[in-house]
Amino acid sequence: MLTDFRKTQLQENGDADSTVIRWSGPRVTDYNLTLKGEGIQIDYTYTDSTETEYSSSEFLGFSLRQGTPAVSAFESLTELGIKP
């Protein structure tokens, strides 16, 4: 059973001694904020346990609701994808 596990790990992770089963979901490692009119563009950089880098971006619009700033718009500008 251990031999089969190590063989699978070598095929999927490139390391027979890796204890990572498949890979972890992407997590944010960096982001940049850019003011755009009444909102902000957020550009994210992600990585996972395979150290692959991903990116995505979104726009959040703001307005005042009863005198309190609130998110009033959301737009996904770039879906999560592997960075070139």
N, C-alpha and C. Protein backbone atom coordinates (compact mmCIF):
# COMPACT_ATOMS: atom_id res chain seq x y z
N MET A 1 0.82 -1.19 0.00
CA MET A 1 0.00 0.00 0.00
C MET A 1 0.87 1.26 0.00
N LEU A 2 1.93 1.28 0.80
CA LEU A 2 2.83 2.42 0.83
C LEU A 2 3.51 2.61 -0.53
N THR A 3 3.86 1.52 -1.17
CA THR A 3 4.50 1.60 -2.50
C THR A 3 3.55 2.26 -3.49
N ASP A 4 2.27 1.88 -3.47
CA ASP A 4 1.28 2.49 -4.37
C ASP A 4 1.10 3.97 -4.07
N PHE A 5 1.06 4.31 -2.78
CA PHE A 5 0.90 5.71 -2.37
C PHE A 5 2.08 6.55 -2.88
N ARG A 6 3.31 6.05 -2.68
CA ARG A 6 4.49 6.78 -3.12
C ARG A 6 4.53 6.92 -4.64
N LYS A 7 4.07 5.92 -5.34
CA LYS A 7 4.02 5.98 -6.81
C LYS A 7 3.04 7.06 -7.25
N THR A 8 1.88 7.10 -6.62
CA THR A 8 0.88 8.12 -6.94
C THR A 8 1.41 9.51 -6.62
N GLN A 9 2.07 9.66 -5.46
CA GLN A 9 2.62 10.96 -5.09
C GLN A 9 3.67 11.42 -6.10
N LEU A 10 4.49 10.52 -6.57
CA LEU A 10 5.49 10.86 -7.56
C LEU A 10 4.83 11.35 -8.85
N GLN A 11 3.76 10.66 -9.28
CA GLN A 11 3.06 11.04 -10.51
C GLN A 11 2.34 12.38 -10.36
N GLU A 12 1.68 12.60 -9.23
CA GLU A 12 0.85 13.79 -9.07
C GLU A 12 1.61 15.01 -8.56
N ASN A 13 2.62 14.79 -7.72
CA ASN A 13 3.33 15.91 -7.10
C ASN A 13 4.80 16.00 -7.49
N GLY A 14 5.31 14.99 -8.18
CA GLY A 14 6.71 15.01 -8.56
C GLY A 14 7.66 14.66 -7.42
N ASP A 15 7.09 14.20 -6.30
CA ASP A 15 7.90 13.86 -5.13
C ASP A 15 7.26 12.68 -4.41
N ALA A 16 7.91 11.53 -4.46
CA ALA A 16 7.35 10.32 -3.84
C ALA A 16 7.21 10.45 -2.34
N ASP A 17 8.01 11.32 -1.71
CA ASP A 17 7.96 11.48 -0.26
C ASP A 17 7.03 12.60 0.19
N SER A 18 6.36 13.25 -0.74
CA SER A 18 5.44 14.32 -0.38
C SER A 18 4.25 13.76 0.40
N THR A 19 3.85 14.49 1.44
CA THR A 19 2.66 14.09 2.21
C THR A 19 1.43 14.89 1.81
N VAL A 20 1.59 15.76 0.81
CA VAL A 20 0.45 16.53 0.31
C VAL A 20 -0.37 15.63 -0.60
N ILE A 21 -1.63 15.47 -0.26
CA ILE A 21 -2.51 14.65 -1.09
C ILE A 21 -3.20 15.59 -2.06
N ARG A 22 -2.89 15.40 -3.31
CA ARG A 22 -3.30 16.30 -4.39
C ARG A 22 -2.67 17.66 -4.11
N TRP A 23 -3.46 18.71 -3.93
CA TRP A 23 -2.92 20.04 -3.68
C TRP A 23 -3.94 20.85 -2.91
N SER A 24 -3.46 21.92 -2.30
CA SER A 24 -4.35 22.79 -1.55
C SER A 24 -4.98 23.80 -2.49
N GLY A 25 -6.09 24.35 -2.08
CA GLY A 25 -6.74 25.40 -2.86
C GLY A 25 -5.89 26.66 -2.85
N PRO A 26 -6.02 27.47 -3.89
CA PRO A 26 -5.23 28.71 -3.94
C PRO A 26 -5.53 29.63 -2.76
N ARG A 27 -4.49 30.30 -2.28
CA ARG A 27 -4.63 31.29 -1.20
C ARG A 27 -3.96 32.58 -1.66
N VAL A 28 -4.47 33.71 -1.21
CA VAL A 28 -3.94 35.01 -1.60
C VAL A 28 -2.56 35.22 -0.98
N THR A 29 -1.60 35.60 -1.82
CA THR A 29 -0.26 35.90 -1.33
C THR A 29 0.09 37.38 -1.49
N ASP A 30 -0.67 38.08 -2.34
CA ASP A 30 -0.41 39.50 -2.57
C ASP A 30 -1.65 40.11 -3.23
N TYR A 31 -1.78 41.41 -3.09
CA TYR A 31 -2.86 42.12 -3.78
C TYR A 31 -2.45 43.57 -3.98
N ASN A 32 -3.03 44.20 -5.01
CA ASN A 32 -2.81 45.62 -5.30
C ASN A 32 -4.16 46.29 -5.38
N LEU A 33 -4.25 47.49 -4.82
CA LEU A 33 -5.48 48.27 -4.83
C LEU A 33 -5.28 49.49 -5.72
N THR A 34 -6.26 49.74 -6.61
CA THR A 34 -6.22 50.90 -7.49
C THR A 34 -7.56 51.60 -7.42
N LEU A 35 -7.55 52.89 -7.05
CA LEU A 35 -8.79 53.66 -7.01
C LEU A 35 -9.30 53.88 -8.42
N LYS A 36 -10.60 53.64 -8.63
CA LYS A 36 -11.24 53.79 -9.94
C LYS A 36 -12.58 54.49 -9.72
N GLY A 37 -12.64 55.80 -9.91
CA GLY A 37 -13.89 56.54 -9.73
C GLY A 37 -14.42 56.39 -8.31
N GLU A 38 -15.63 55.85 -8.19
CA GLU A 38 -16.28 55.66 -6.89
C GLU A 38 -16.02 54.27 -6.32
N GLY A 39 -14.92 53.66 -6.73
CA GLY A 39 -14.65 52.30 -6.26
C GLY A 39 -13.18 51.98 -6.28
N ILE A 40 -12.92 50.70 -6.23
CA ILE A 40 -11.55 50.22 -6.16
C ILE A 40 -11.40 48.93 -6.95
N GLN A 41 -10.30 48.81 -7.67
CA GLN A 41 -9.97 47.55 -8.36
C GLN A 41 -8.97 46.82 -7.49
N ILE A 42 -9.21 45.54 -7.27
CA ILE A 42 -8.32 44.71 -6.48
C ILE A 42 -7.75 43.62 -7.39
N ASP A 43 -6.43 43.61 -7.52
CA ASP A 43 -5.74 42.59 -8.31
C ASP A 43 -5.06 41.64 -7.32
N TYR A 44 -5.44 40.36 -7.38
CA TYR A 44 -4.93 39.37 -6.44
C TYR A 44 -3.89 38.47 -7.10
N THR A 45 -2.92 38.02 -6.31
CA THR A 45 -1.99 36.96 -6.68
C THR A 45 -2.18 35.85 -5.66
N TYR A 46 -2.28 34.62 -6.14
CA TYR A 46 -2.50 33.45 -5.29
C TYR A 46 -1.39 32.43 -5.55
N THR A 47 -1.27 31.47 -4.62
CA THR A 47 -0.44 30.30 -4.85
C THR A 47 -1.11 29.12 -4.15
N ASP A 48 -0.61 27.93 -4.44
CA ASP A 48 -1.13 26.73 -3.77
C ASP A 48 0.07 25.89 -3.35
N SER A 49 -0.18 24.70 -2.86
CA SER A 49 0.91 23.86 -2.36
C SER A 49 1.85 23.39 -3.46
N THR A 50 1.44 23.52 -4.72
CA THR A 50 2.34 23.17 -5.82
C THR A 50 3.20 24.37 -6.24
N GLU A 51 2.98 25.52 -5.57
CA GLU A 51 3.67 26.78 -5.84
C GLU A 51 3.32 27.38 -7.20
N THR A 52 2.24 26.90 -7.81
CA THR A 52 1.73 27.52 -9.03
C THR A 52 1.16 28.88 -8.65
N GLU A 53 1.38 29.91 -9.49
CA GLU A 53 0.82 31.23 -9.22
C GLU A 53 -0.43 31.44 -10.06
N TYR A 54 -1.43 32.06 -9.44
CA TYR A 54 -2.70 32.38 -10.08
C TYR A 54 -2.96 33.86 -9.90
N SER A 55 -3.89 34.38 -10.68
CA SER A 55 -4.28 35.78 -10.51
C SER A 55 -5.76 35.94 -10.80
N SER A 56 -6.32 37.00 -10.26
CA SER A 56 -7.69 37.40 -10.56
C SER A 56 -7.83 38.87 -10.19
N SER A 57 -8.90 39.50 -10.65
CA SER A 57 -9.15 40.88 -10.26
C SER A 57 -10.65 41.12 -10.19
N GLU A 58 -11.00 42.11 -9.36
CA GLU A 58 -12.40 42.46 -9.19
C GLU A 58 -12.52 43.94 -8.91
N PHE A 59 -13.73 44.45 -9.11
CA PHE A 59 -14.03 45.85 -8.84
C PHE A 59 -15.12 45.91 -7.78
N LEU A 60 -14.91 46.77 -6.78
CA LEU A 60 -15.92 47.03 -5.77
C LEU A 60 -16.30 48.51 -5.85
N GLY A 61 -17.59 48.78 -6.01
CA GLY A 61 -18.08 50.15 -6.00
C GLY A 61 -18.64 50.48 -4.63
N PHE A 62 -18.51 51.74 -4.23
CA PHE A 62 -18.97 52.16 -2.91
C PHE A 62 -19.97 53.30 -3.02
N SER A 63 -20.87 53.37 -2.05
CA SER A 63 -21.78 54.49 -1.92
C SER A 63 -22.10 54.65 -0.44
N LEU A 64 -22.75 55.76 -0.11
CA LEU A 64 -23.15 55.98 1.27
C LEU A 64 -24.57 55.47 1.48
N ARG A 65 -24.78 54.71 2.51
CA ARG A 65 -26.11 54.23 2.91
C ARG A 65 -26.35 54.69 4.33
N GLN A 66 -27.28 55.60 4.48
CA GLN A 66 -27.56 56.21 5.78
C GLN A 66 -26.29 56.77 6.40
N GLY A 67 -25.46 57.39 5.54
CA GLY A 67 -24.24 58.05 5.99
C GLY A 67 -23.06 57.13 6.22
N THR A 68 -23.22 55.84 5.95
CA THR A 68 -22.15 54.87 6.17
C THR A 68 -21.69 54.31 4.83
N PRO A 69 -20.36 54.31 4.58
CA PRO A 69 -19.89 53.71 3.33
C PRO A 69 -20.28 52.23 3.24
N ALA A 70 -20.73 51.82 2.06
CA ALA A 70 -21.13 50.43 1.84
C ALA A 70 -20.77 50.01 0.43
N VAL A 71 -20.50 48.71 0.25
CA VAL A 71 -20.26 48.18 -1.09
C VAL A 71 -21.59 48.18 -1.83
N SER A 72 -21.63 48.85 -2.98
CA SER A 72 -22.87 48.95 -3.75
C SER A 72 -22.78 48.26 -5.11
N ALA A 73 -21.57 47.83 -5.48
CA ALA A 73 -21.40 47.17 -6.78
C ALA A 73 -20.23 46.19 -6.68
N PHE A 74 -20.35 45.10 -7.42
CA PHE A 74 -19.27 44.12 -7.52
C PHE A 74 -19.20 43.65 -8.96
N GLU A 75 -17.98 43.57 -9.48
CA GLU A 75 -17.79 43.01 -10.82
C GLU A 75 -16.50 42.19 -10.82
N SER A 76 -16.59 40.97 -11.25
CA SER A 76 -15.41 40.14 -11.44
C SER A 76 -14.80 40.54 -12.77
N LEU A 77 -13.59 41.10 -12.74
CA LEU A 77 -12.94 41.57 -13.97
C LEU A 77 -12.15 40.47 -14.66
N THR A 78 -11.47 39.66 -13.87
CA THR A 78 -10.68 38.54 -14.40
C THR A 78 -10.90 37.35 -13.49
N GLU A 79 -11.39 36.25 -14.05
CA GLU A 79 -11.60 35.03 -13.27
C GLU A 79 -10.26 34.44 -12.85
N LEU A 80 -10.27 33.66 -11.78
CA LEU A 80 -9.06 33.01 -11.31
C LEU A 80 -8.45 32.16 -12.41
N GLY A 81 -7.17 32.39 -12.68
CA GLY A 81 -6.47 31.64 -13.70
C GLY A 81 -4.98 31.60 -13.41
N ILE A 82 -4.29 30.68 -14.04
CA ILE A 82 -2.85 30.56 -13.85
C ILE A 82 -2.15 31.75 -14.48
N LYS A 83 -1.21 32.33 -13.74
CA LYS A 83 -0.46 33.49 -14.25
C LYS A 83 0.45 33.06 -15.39
N PRO A 84 0.53 33.88 -16.43
CA PRO A 84 1.41 33.56 -17.56
C PRO A 84 2.88 33.61 -17.16
